[in-house]
Amino acid sequence: MPQPTPDDEQFFRDIGSLGATANAARDEGLPPVVREVLDGIAAEQAADISRNHGSGGGTG
């Protein structure tokens, strides 16, 4: 089994961060404006992951 590279480790940290932000954005106990801000942050994180870790290939 191959060993993870530093890029792999960063990718997994980025995915974990995105997951935490996306989950927080769905927290109905937060005010709508906060959820909206978190939603925007999650979108920026997803774009960063795509830009930094994406292959640009796609599947279809």
Protein backbone atom coordinates (compact mmCIF):
# COMPACT_ATOMS: atom_id res chain seq x y z
CA MET A 1 0.00 0.00 0.00
CA PRO A 2 1.50 3.39 -0.96
CA GLN A 3 2.42 5.85 1.75
CA PRO A 4 0.51 9.16 1.81
CA THR A 5 2.40 12.13 0.46
CA PRO A 6 2.33 15.63 1.96
CA ASP A 7 -0.12 16.56 -0.82
CA ASP A 8 -2.38 13.70 0.24
CA GLU A 9 -2.26 14.85 3.85
CA GLN A 10 -3.17 18.42 2.83
CA PHE A 11 -6.01 17.10 0.65
CA PHE A 12 -7.49 15.17 3.57
CA ARG A 13 -7.17 18.19 5.88
CA ASP A 14 -8.91 20.34 3.25
CA ILE A 15 -11.74 17.81 2.83
CA GLY A 16 -12.19 17.60 6.62
CA SER A 17 -12.36 21.36 6.88
CA LEU A 18 -14.90 21.54 4.06
CA GLY A 19 -17.04 18.89 5.76
CA ALA A 20 -16.99 20.73 9.06
CA THR A 21 -17.96 24.02 7.40
CA ALA A 22 -20.72 22.41 5.33
CA ASN A 23 -22.15 20.72 8.43
CA ALA A 24 -22.07 23.97 10.39
CA ALA A 25 -23.89 25.71 7.53
CA ARG A 26 -26.75 23.25 8.00
CA ASP A 27 -27.08 23.88 11.75
CA GLU A 28 -30.62 25.17 12.10
CA GLY A 29 -29.78 26.57 15.53
CA LEU A 30 -27.61 29.24 13.95
CA PRO A 31 -29.06 32.52 12.63
CA PRO A 32 -29.78 32.43 8.88
CA VAL A 33 -27.15 35.10 8.16
CA VAL A 34 -24.45 32.98 9.84
CA ARG A 35 -25.53 29.90 7.89
CA GLU A 36 -25.39 31.92 4.69
CA VAL A 37 -21.84 33.09 5.46
CA LEU A 38 -20.78 29.52 6.25
CA ASP A 39 -22.35 28.36 2.99
CA GLY A 40 -20.24 30.89 1.12
CA ILE A 41 -17.11 29.78 2.94
CA ALA A 42 -17.86 26.15 2.07
CA ALA A 43 -18.24 27.09 -1.59
CA GLU A 44 -14.87 28.87 -1.50
CA GLN A 45 -13.26 25.87 0.18
CA ALA A 46 -14.68 23.53 -2.47
CA ALA A 47 -13.34 25.78 -5.24
CA ASP A 48 -9.92 25.86 -3.55
CA ILE A 49 -9.87 22.06 -3.30
CA SER A 50 -10.78 21.76 -6.96
CA ARG A 51 -8.13 24.27 -7.97
CA ASN A 52 -5.40 22.85 -5.73
CA HIS A 53 -6.11 19.13 -5.93
CA GLY A 54 -8.30 18.58 -8.99
CA SER A 55 -7.06 16.60 -11.93
CA GLY A 56 -9.04 18.63 -14.41
CA GLY A 57 -10.15 15.40 -16.04
CA GLY A 58 -13.73 14.86 -14.99
CA THR A 59 -15.68 11.66 -15.55
CA GLY A 60 -18.13 12.55 -18.20
